[in-house]
Amino acid sequence: CTVQVWNQSTGALLKTLEGHTDWVRAVAVSQDEETIVSGSYDCTVQVWNQSTGALLKTLEGHTDWVRAVAVSQDEETIVSGSYDCTV
């Protein structure tokens, strides 16, 4: 129930983001690489600070698994899609 951040070149684990209470199904990174967004079977979307690993907020509203997440190019909007048939 974690998101792990890895160094692509070395394969080293940089940090583990803990907060979801069920499997993580979707992950997106903002264009400036400062924000990570994760969606989970726990029906939540979590927003993380990539540099510190801090959980910034938990977005609730879906009633079924979150299957997809995306961050807009201007980084002002997060979109999530769920098995509850909502976006």
PDB file of N, CA and C in Angstrom:
ATOM      1  N   CYS A   1       0.817  -1.195   0.000  1.00  0.00           N
ATOM      2  CA  CYS A   1       0.000   0.000   0.000  1.00  0.00           C
ATOM      3  C   CYS A   1       0.855   1.250   0.000  1.00  0.00           C
ATOM      4  N   THR A   2       1.999   1.180  -0.689  1.00  0.00           N
ATOM      5  CA  THR A   2       2.928   2.312  -0.721  1.00  0.00           C
ATOM      6  C   THR A   2       3.238   2.701  -2.159  1.00  0.00           C
ATOM      7  N   VAL A   3       3.799   3.904  -2.306  1.00  0.00           N
ATOM      8  CA  VAL A   3       4.384   4.353  -3.553  1.00  0.00           C
ATOM      9  C   VAL A   3       5.877   4.422  -3.315  1.00  0.00           C
ATOM     10  N   GLN A   4       6.654   3.804  -4.170  1.00  0.00           N
ATOM     11  CA  GLN A   4       8.102   3.846  -4.013  1.00  0.00           C
ATOM     12  C   GLN A   4       8.695   4.687  -5.133  1.00  0.00           C
ATOM     13  N   VAL A   5       9.645   5.550  -4.769  1.00  0.00           N
ATOM     14  CA  VAL A   5      10.302   6.445  -5.712  1.00  0.00           C
ATOM     15  C   VAL A   5      11.734   5.954  -5.870  1.00  0.00           C
ATOM     16  N   TRP A   6      12.122   5.711  -7.118  1.00  0.00           N
ATOM     17  CA  TRP A   6      13.409   5.099  -7.424  1.00  0.00           C
ATOM     18  C   TRP A   6      14.275   6.030  -8.268  1.00  0.00           C
ATOM     19  N   ASN A   7      15.581   5.925  -8.119  1.00  0.00           N
ATOM     20  CA  ASN A   7      16.507   6.603  -9.011  1.00  0.00           C
ATOM     21  C   ASN A   7      16.604   5.764 -10.279  1.00  0.00           C
ATOM     22  N   GLN A   8      16.263   6.361 -11.405  1.00  0.00           N
ATOM     23  CA  GLN A   8      16.234   5.612 -12.662  1.00  0.00           C
ATOM     24  C   GLN A   8      17.619   5.109 -13.069  1.00  0.00           C
ATOM     25  N   SER A   9      18.658   5.884 -12.825  1.00  0.00           N
ATOM     26  CA  SER A   9      20.012   5.506 -13.251  1.00  0.00           C
ATOM     27  C   SER A   9      20.618   4.414 -12.400  1.00  0.00           C
ATOM     28  N   THR A  10      20.479   4.546 -11.072  1.00  0.00           N
ATOM     29  CA  THR A  10      21.154   3.611 -10.169  1.00  0.00           C
ATOM     30  C   THR A  10      20.265   2.484  -9.680  1.00  0.00           C
ATOM     31  N   GLY A  11      18.948   2.688  -9.761  1.00  0.00           N
ATOM     32  CA  GLY A  11      18.028   1.697  -9.225  1.00  0.00           C
ATOM     33  C   GLY A  11      17.856   1.782  -7.717  1.00  0.00           C
ATOM     34  N   ALA A  12      18.430   2.816  -7.120  1.00  0.00           N
ATOM     35  CA  ALA A  12      18.335   2.979  -5.664  1.00  0.00           C
ATOM     36  C   ALA A  12      16.944   3.482  -5.273  1.00  0.00           C
ATOM     37  N   LEU A  13      16.439   2.938  -4.186  1.00  0.00           N
ATOM     38  CA  LEU A  13      15.175   3.407  -3.637  1.00  0.00           C
ATOM     39  C   LEU A  13      15.418   4.744  -2.955  1.00  0.00           C
ATOM     40  N   LEU A  14      14.703   5.789  -3.394  1.00  0.00           N
ATOM     41  CA  LEU A  14      14.885   7.127  -2.845  1.00  0.00           C
ATOM     42  C   LEU A  14      13.967   7.390  -1.661  1.00  0.00           C
ATOM     43  N   LYS A  15      12.714   6.962  -1.775  1.00  0.00           N
ATOM     44  CA  LYS A  15      11.775   7.139  -0.665  1.00  0.00           C
ATOM     45  C   LYS A  15      10.562   6.244  -0.861  1.00  0.00           C
ATOM     46  N   THR A  16       9.889   5.983   0.235  1.00  0.00           N
ATOM     47  CA  THR A  16       8.653   5.226   0.234  1.00  0.00           C
ATOM     48  C   THR A  16       7.567   6.122   0.801  1.00  0.00           C
ATOM     49  N   LEU A  17       6.491   6.274   0.051  1.00  0.00           N
ATOM     50  CA  LEU A  17       5.370   7.120   0.457  1.00  0.00           C
ATOM     51  C   LEU A  17       4.278   6.227   1.024  1.00  0.00           C
ATOM     52  N   GLU A  18       3.993   6.380   2.296  1.00  0.00           N
ATOM     53  CA  GLU A  18       3.025   5.539   2.984  1.00  0.00           C
ATOM     54  C   GLU A  18       1.788   6.349   3.342  1.00  0.00           C
ATOM     55  N   GLY A  19       0.611   5.796   3.073  1.00  0.00           N
ATOM     56  CA  GLY A  19      -0.611   6.502   3.423  1.00  0.00           C
ATOM     57  C   GLY A  19      -1.867   5.793   2.963  1.00  0.00           C
ATOM     58  N   HIS A  20      -1.782   5.099   1.831  1.00  0.00           N
ATOM     59  CA  HIS A  20      -2.953   4.364   1.356  1.00  0.00           C
ATOM     60  C   HIS A  20      -3.194   3.138   2.239  1.00  0.00           C
ATOM     61  N   THR A  21      -4.452   2.749   2.340  1.00  0.00           N
ATOM     62  CA  THR A  21      -4.800   1.582   3.161  1.00  0.00           C
ATOM     63  C   THR A  21      -5.129   0.360   2.312  1.00  0.00           C
ATOM     64  N   ASP A  22      -4.963   0.474   0.993  1.00  0.00           N
ATOM     65  CA  ASP A  22      -5.187  -0.650   0.081  1.00  0.00           C
ATOM     66  C   ASP A  22      -4.256  -0.461  -1.115  1.00  0.00           C
ATOM     67  N   TRP A  23      -4.269  -1.397  -2.042  1.00  0.00           N
ATOM     68  CA  TRP A  23      -3.354  -1.378  -3.181  1.00  0.00           C
ATOM     69  C   TRP A  23      -3.383  -0.055  -3.923  1.00  0.00           C
ATOM     70  N   VAL A  24      -2.207   0.397  -4.342  1.00  0.00           N
ATOM     71  CA  VAL A  24      -2.088   1.580  -5.194  1.00  0.00           C
ATOM     72  C   VAL A  24      -2.235   1.119  -6.641  1.00  0.00           C
ATOM     73  N   ARG A  25      -3.143   1.767  -7.362  1.00  0.00           N
ATOM     74  CA  ARG A  25      -3.466   1.344  -8.728  1.00  0.00           C
ATOM     75  C   ARG A  25      -2.931   2.302  -9.788  1.00  0.00           C
ATOM     76  N   ALA A  26      -2.736   3.586  -9.429  1.00  0.00           N
ATOM     77  CA  ALA A  26      -2.336   4.576 -10.424  1.00  0.00           C
ATOM     78  C   ALA A  26      -1.422   5.616  -9.794  1.00  0.00           C
ATOM     79  N   VAL A  27      -0.453   6.091 -10.586  1.00  0.00           N
ATOM     80  CA  VAL A  27       0.476   7.117 -10.128  1.00  0.00           C
ATOM     81  C   VAL A  27       0.752   8.077 -11.278  1.00  0.00           C
ATOM     82  N   ALA A  28       0.850   9.365 -10.954  1.00  0.00           N
ATOM     83  CA  ALA A  28       1.237  10.381 -11.931  1.00  0.00           C
ATOM     84  C   ALA A  28       2.202  11.353 -11.269  1.00  0.00           C
ATOM     85  N   VAL A  29       3.056  11.954 -12.091  1.00  0.00           N
ATOM     86  CA  VAL A  29       4.021  12.938 -11.604  1.00  0.00           C
ATOM     87  C   VAL A  29       3.771  14.237 -12.356  1.00  0.00           C
ATOM     88  N   SER A  30       3.780  15.359 -11.624  1.00  0.00           N
ATOM     89  CA  SER A  30       3.586  16.660 -12.262  1.00  0.00           C
ATOM     90  C   SER A  30       4.771  16.977 -13.174  1.00  0.00           C
ATOM     91  N   GLN A  31       4.554  17.903 -14.121  1.00  0.00           N
ATOM     92  CA  GLN A  31       5.617  18.256 -15.061  1.00  0.00           C
ATOM     93  C   GLN A  31       6.849  18.826 -14.373  1.00  0.00           C
ATOM     94  N   ASP A  32       6.667  19.563 -13.286  1.00  0.00           N
ATOM     95  CA  ASP A  32       7.828  20.110 -12.580  1.00  0.00           C
ATOM     96  C   ASP A  32       8.468  19.078 -11.655  1.00  0.00           C
ATOM     97  N   GLU A  33       7.898  17.875 -11.617  1.00  0.00           N
ATOM     98  CA  GLU A  33       8.395  16.738 -10.845  1.00  0.00           C
ATOM     99  C   GLU A  33       8.379  16.974  -9.336  1.00  0.00           C
ATOM    100  N   GLU A  34       7.620  17.958  -8.884  1.00  0.00           N
ATOM    101  CA  GLU A  34       7.538  18.248  -7.453  1.00  0.00           C
ATOM    102  C   GLU A  34       6.346  17.577  -6.768  1.00  0.00           C
ATOM    103  N   THR A  35       5.381  17.119  -7.560  1.00  0.00           N
ATOM    104  CA  THR A  35       4.175  16.526  -6.990  1.00  0.00           C
ATOM    105  C   THR A  35       3.955  15.136  -7.560  1.00  0.00           C
ATOM    106  N   ILE A  36       3.636  14.211  -6.676  1.00  0.00           N
ATOM    107  CA  ILE A  36       3.247  12.860  -7.070  1.00  0.00           C
ATOM    108  C   ILE A  36       1.799  12.676  -6.646  1.00  0.00           C
ATOM    109  N   VAL A  37       0.997  12.111  -7.526  1.00  0.00           N
ATOM    110  CA  VAL A  37      -0.406  11.837  -7.237  1.00  0.00           C
ATOM    111  C   VAL A  37      -0.603  10.328  -7.352  1.00  0.00           C
ATOM    112  N   SER A  38      -1.271   9.747  -6.360  1.00  0.00           N
ATOM    113  CA  SER A  38      -1.522   8.303  -6.389  1.00  0.00           C
ATOM    114  C   SER A  38      -3.002   8.017  -6.172  1.00  0.00           C
ATOM    115  N   GLY A  39      -3.487   6.991  -6.843  1.00  0.00           N
ATOM    116  CA  GLY A  39      -4.864   6.539  -6.689  1.00  0.00           C
ATOM    117  C   GLY A  39      -4.862   5.094  -6.228  1.00  0.00           C
ATOM    118  N   SER A  40      -5.841   4.742  -5.400  1.00  0.00           N
ATOM    119  CA  SER A  40      -5.784   3.451  -4.728  1.00  0.00           C
ATOM    120  C   SER A  40      -7.126   2.726  -4.698  1.00  0.00           C
ATOM    121  N   TYR A  41      -7.042   1.443  -4.395  1.00  0.00           N
ATOM    122  CA  TYR A  41      -8.235   0.643  -4.143  1.00  0.00           C
ATOM    123  C   TYR A  41      -8.956   1.104  -2.874  1.00  0.00           C
ATOM    124  N   ASP A  42      -8.316   1.960  -2.071  1.00  0.00           N
ATOM    125  CA  ASP A  42      -8.993   2.492  -0.878  1.00  0.00           C
ATOM    126  C   ASP A  42      -9.936   3.657  -1.217  1.00  0.00           C
ATOM    127  N   CYS A  43     -10.131   3.910  -2.520  1.00  0.00           N
ATOM    128  CA  CYS A  43     -11.063   4.930  -3.031  1.00  0.00           C
ATOM    129  C   CYS A  43     -10.574   6.360  -2.856  1.00  0.00           C
ATOM    130  N   THR A  44      -9.298   6.559  -2.551  1.00  0.00           N
ATOM    131  CA  THR A  44      -8.775   7.900  -2.361  1.00  0.00           C
ATOM    132  C   THR A  44      -7.703   8.236  -3.394  1.00  0.00           C
ATOM    133  N   VAL A  45      -7.485   9.540  -3.550  1.00  0.00           N
ATOM    134  CA  VAL A  45      -6.367  10.081  -4.313  1.00  0.00           C
ATOM    135  C   VAL A  45      -5.494  10.819  -3.305  1.00  0.00           C
ATOM    136  N   GLN A  46      -4.199  10.530  -3.318  1.00  0.00           N
ATOM    137  CA  GLN A  46      -3.301  11.214  -2.396  1.00  0.00           C
ATOM    138  C   GLN A  46      -2.303  12.045  -3.186  1.00  0.00           C
ATOM    139  N   VAL A  47      -2.000  13.218  -2.640  1.00  0.00           N
ATOM    140  CA  VAL A  47      -1.098  14.169  -3.279  1.00  0.00           C
ATOM    141  C   VAL A  47       0.123  14.322  -2.381  1.00  0.00           C
ATOM    142  N   TRP A  48       1.305  14.105  -2.968  1.00  0.00           N
ATOM    143  CA  TRP A  48       2.552  14.053  -2.219  1.00  0.00           C
ATOM    144  C   TRP A  48       3.536  15.107  -2.712  1.00  0.00           C
ATOM    145  N   ASN A  49       4.375  15.604  -1.811  1.00  0.00           N
ATOM    146  CA  ASN A  49       5.516  16.420  -2.195  1.00  0.00           C
ATOM    147  C   ASN A  49       6.651  15.463  -2.528  1.00  0.00           C
ATOM    148  N   GLN A  50       7.123  15.513  -3.763  1.00  0.00           N
ATOM    149  CA  GLN A  50       8.142  14.565  -4.201  1.00  0.00           C
ATOM    150  C   GLN A  50       9.462  14.772  -3.465  1.00  0.00           C
ATOM    151  N   SER A  51       9.833  16.008  -3.195  1.00  0.00           N
ATOM    152  CA  SER A  51      11.123  16.286  -2.554  1.00  0.00           C
ATOM    153  C   SER A  51      11.183  15.779  -1.118  1.00  0.00           C
ATOM    154  N   THR A  52      10.126  16.034  -0.367  1.00  0.00           N
ATOM    155  CA  THR A  52      10.135  15.688   1.058  1.00  0.00           C
ATOM    156  C   THR A  52       9.459  14.355   1.368  1.00  0.00           C
ATOM    157  N   GLY A  53       8.591  13.898   0.452  1.00  0.00           N
ATOM    158  CA  GLY A  53       7.816  12.692   0.722  1.00  0.00           C
ATOM    159  C   GLY A  53       6.590  12.949   1.577  1.00  0.00           C
ATOM    160  N   ALA A  54       6.318  14.205   1.883  1.00  0.00           N
ATOM    161  CA  ALA A  54       5.188  14.541   2.750  1.00  0.00           C
ATOM    162  C   ALA A  54       3.859  14.381   2.009  1.00  0.00           C
ATOM    163  N   LEU A  55       2.883  13.824   2.703  1.00  0.00           N
ATOM    164  CA  LEU A  55       1.527  13.748   2.183  1.00  0.00           C
ATOM    165  C   LEU A  55       0.912  15.137   2.314  1.00  0.00           C
ATOM    166  N   LEU A  56       0.535  15.744   1.188  1.00  0.00           N
ATOM    167  CA  LEU A  56      -0.010  17.091   1.191  1.00  0.00           C
ATOM    168  C   LEU A  56      -1.512  17.098   1.422  1.00  0.00           C
ATOM    169  N   LYS A  57      -2.204  16.138   0.790  1.00  0.00           N
ATOM    170  CA  LYS A  57      -3.657  16.045   0.998  1.00  0.00           C
ATOM    171  C   LYS A  57      -4.165  14.711   0.511  1.00  0.00           C
ATOM    172  N   THR A  58      -5.298  14.334   1.070  1.00  0.00           N
ATOM    173  CA  THR A  58      -6.026  13.143   0.633  1.00  0.00           C
ATOM    174  C   THR A  58      -7.358  13.607   0.071  1.00  0.00           C
ATOM    175  N   LEU A  59      -7.633  13.229  -1.166  1.00  0.00           N
ATOM    176  CA  LEU A  59      -8.869  13.602  -1.838  1.00  0.00           C
ATOM    177  C   LEU A  59      -9.831  12.425  -1.786  1.00  0.00           C
ATOM    178  N   GLU A  60     -11.001  12.668  -1.230  1.00  0.00           N
ATOM    179  CA  GLU A  60     -12.007  11.624  -1.073  1.00  0.00           C
ATOM    180  C   GLU A  60     -13.256  11.994  -1.863  1.00  0.00           C
ATOM    181  N   GLY A  61     -13.964  11.007  -2.338  1.00  0.00           N
ATOM    182  CA  GLY A  61     -15.194  11.260  -3.083  1.00  0.00           C
ATOM    183  C   GLY A  61     -15.613  10.076  -3.925  1.00  0.00           C
ATOM    184  N   HIS A  62     -14.653   9.269  -4.336  1.00  0.00           N
ATOM    185  CA  HIS A  62     -15.002   8.065  -5.090  1.00  0.00           C
ATOM    186  C   HIS A  62     -15.566   7.003  -4.146  1.00  0.00           C
ATOM    187  N   THR A  63     -16.446   6.183  -4.678  1.00  0.00           N
ATOM    188  CA  THR A  63     -17.043   5.114  -3.881  1.00  0.00           C
ATOM    189  C   THR A  63     -16.544   3.733  -4.297  1.00  0.00           C
ATOM    190  N   ASP A  64     -15.589   3.711  -5.223  1.00  0.00           N
ATOM    191  CA  ASP A  64     -14.984   2.454  -5.666  1.00  0.00           C
ATOM    192  C   ASP A  64     -13.520   2.748  -6.009  1.00  0.00           C
ATOM    193  N   TRP A  65     -12.784   1.719  -6.395  1.00  0.00           N
ATOM    194  CA  TRP A  65     -11.357   1.833  -6.667  1.00  0.00           C
ATOM    195  C   TRP A  65     -11.041   2.977  -7.610  1.00  0.00           C
ATOM    196  N   VAL A  66      -9.961   3.695  -7.316  1.00  0.00           N
ATOM    197  CA  VAL A  66      -9.443   4.708  -8.238  1.00  0.00           C
ATOM    198  C   VAL A  66      -8.513   3.995  -9.204  1.00  0.00           C
ATOM    199  N   ARG A  67      -8.818   4.109 -10.477  1.00  0.00           N
ATOM    200  CA  ARG A  67      -8.071   3.372 -11.496  1.00  0.00           C
ATOM    201  C   ARG A  67      -7.066   4.233 -12.245  1.00  0.00           C
ATOM    202  N   ALA A  68      -7.315   5.550 -12.337  1.00  0.00           N
ATOM    203  CA  ALA A  68      -6.433   6.421 -13.108  1.00  0.00           C
ATOM    204  C   ALA A  68      -6.334   7.788 -12.453  1.00  0.00           C
ATOM    205  N   VAL A  69      -5.158   8.393 -12.549  1.00  0.00           N
ATOM    206  CA  VAL A  69      -4.953   9.762 -12.084  1.00  0.00           C
ATOM    207  C   VAL A  69      -4.092  10.502 -13.102  1.00  0.00           C
ATOM    208  N   ALA A  70      -4.295  11.817 -13.193  1.00  0.00           N
ATOM    209  CA  ALA A  70      -3.488  12.652 -14.086  1.00  0.00           C
ATOM    210  C   ALA A  70      -3.393  14.042 -13.480  1.00  0.00           C
ATOM    211  N   VAL A  71      -2.306  14.730 -13.835  1.00  0.00           N
ATOM    212  CA  VAL A  71      -2.092  16.110 -13.408  1.00  0.00           C
ATOM    213  C   VAL A  71      -2.079  16.966 -14.663  1.00  0.00           C
ATOM    214  N   SER A  72      -2.829  18.084 -14.652  1.00  0.00           N
ATOM    215  CA  SER A  72      -2.872  18.967 -15.818  1.00  0.00           C
ATOM    216  C   SER A  72      -1.508  19.612 -16.057  1.00  0.00           C
ATOM    217  N   GLN A  73      -1.291  20.078 -17.289  1.00  0.00           N
ATOM    218  CA  GLN A  73      -0.011  20.692 -17.634  1.00  0.00           C
ATOM    219  C   GLN A  73       0.294  21.916 -16.782  1.00  0.00           C
ATOM    220  N   ASP A  74      -0.730  22.684 -16.416  1.00  0.00           N
ATOM    221  CA  ASP A  74      -0.498  23.865 -15.572  1.00  0.00           C
ATOM    222  C   ASP A  74      -0.398  23.496 -14.086  1.00  0.00           C
ATOM    223  N   GLU A  75      -0.564  22.207 -13.787  1.00  0.00           N
ATOM    224  CA  GLU A  75      -0.422  21.648 -12.439  1.00  0.00           C
ATOM    225  C   GLU A  75      -1.452  22.177 -11.453  1.00  0.00           C
ATOM    226  N   GLU A  76      -2.548  22.728 -11.966  1.00  0.00           N
ATOM    227  CA  GLU A  76      -3.607  23.266 -11.118  1.00  0.00           C
ATOM    228  C   GLU A  76      -4.747  22.276 -10.898  1.00  0.00           C
ATOM    229  N   THR A  77      -4.819  21.261 -11.762  1.00  0.00           N
ATOM    230  CA  THR A  77      -5.947  20.332 -11.710  1.00  0.00           C
ATOM    231  C   THR A  77      -5.457  18.896 -11.659  1.00  0.00           C
ATOM    232  N   ILE A  78      -6.091  18.109 -10.806  1.00  0.00           N
ATOM    233  CA  ILE A  78      -5.872  16.665 -10.744  1.00  0.00           C
ATOM    234  C   ILE A  78      -7.156  16.004 -11.191  1.00  0.00           C
ATOM    235  N   VAL A  79      -7.036  15.007 -12.060  1.00  0.00           N
ATOM    236  CA  VAL A  79      -8.194  14.267 -12.545  1.00  0.00           C
ATOM    237  C   VAL A  79      -8.038  12.819 -12.106  1.00  0.00           C
ATOM    238  N   SER A  80      -9.140  12.235 -11.636  1.00  0.00           N
ATOM    239  CA  SER A  80      -9.109  10.828 -11.244  1.00  0.00           C
ATOM    240  C   SER A  80     -10.297  10.108 -11.861  1.00  0.00           C
ATOM    241  N   GLY A  81     -10.072   8.865 -12.210  1.00  0.00           N
ATOM    242  CA  GLY A  81     -11.132   8.023 -12.735  1.00  0.00           C
ATOM    243  C   GLY A  81     -11.264   6.793 -11.867  1.00  0.00           C
ATOM    244  N   SER A  82     -12.508   6.338 -11.678  1.00  0.00           N
ATOM    245  CA  SER A  82     -12.757   5.268 -10.724  1.00  0.00           C
ATOM    246  C   SER A  82     -13.686   4.207 -11.298  1.00  0.00           C
ATOM    247  N   TYR A  83     -13.660   3.034 -10.689  1.00  0.00           N
ATOM    248  CA  TYR A  83     -14.606   1.981 -11.030  1.00  0.00           C
ATOM    249  C   TYR A  83     -16.034   2.328 -10.620  1.00  0.00           C
ATOM    250  N   ASP A  84     -16.225   3.450  -9.916  1.00  0.00           N
ATOM    251  CA  ASP A  84     -17.595   3.883  -9.613  1.00  0.00           C
ATOM    252  C   ASP A  84     -18.224   4.623 -10.792  1.00  0.00           C
ATOM    253  N   CYS A  85     -17.527   4.606 -11.938  1.00  0.00           N
ATOM    254  CA  CYS A  85     -17.999   5.208 -13.202  1.00  0.00           C
ATOM    255  C   CYS A  85     -17.993   6.728 -13.166  1.00  0.00           C
ATOM    256  N   THR A  86     -17.150   7.334 -12.323  1.00  0.00           N
ATOM    257  CA  THR A  86     -17.033   8.795 -12.301  1.00  0.00           C
ATOM    258  C   THR A  86     -15.605   9.221 -12.596  1.00  0.00           C
ATOM    259  N   VAL A  87     -15.504  10.439 -13.080  1.00  0.00           N
ATOM    260  CA  VAL A  87     -14.193  11.078 -13.297  1.00  0.00           C
ATOM    261  C   VAL A  87     -14.187  12.338 -12.473  1.00  0.00           C
TER     262      VAL A  87
END
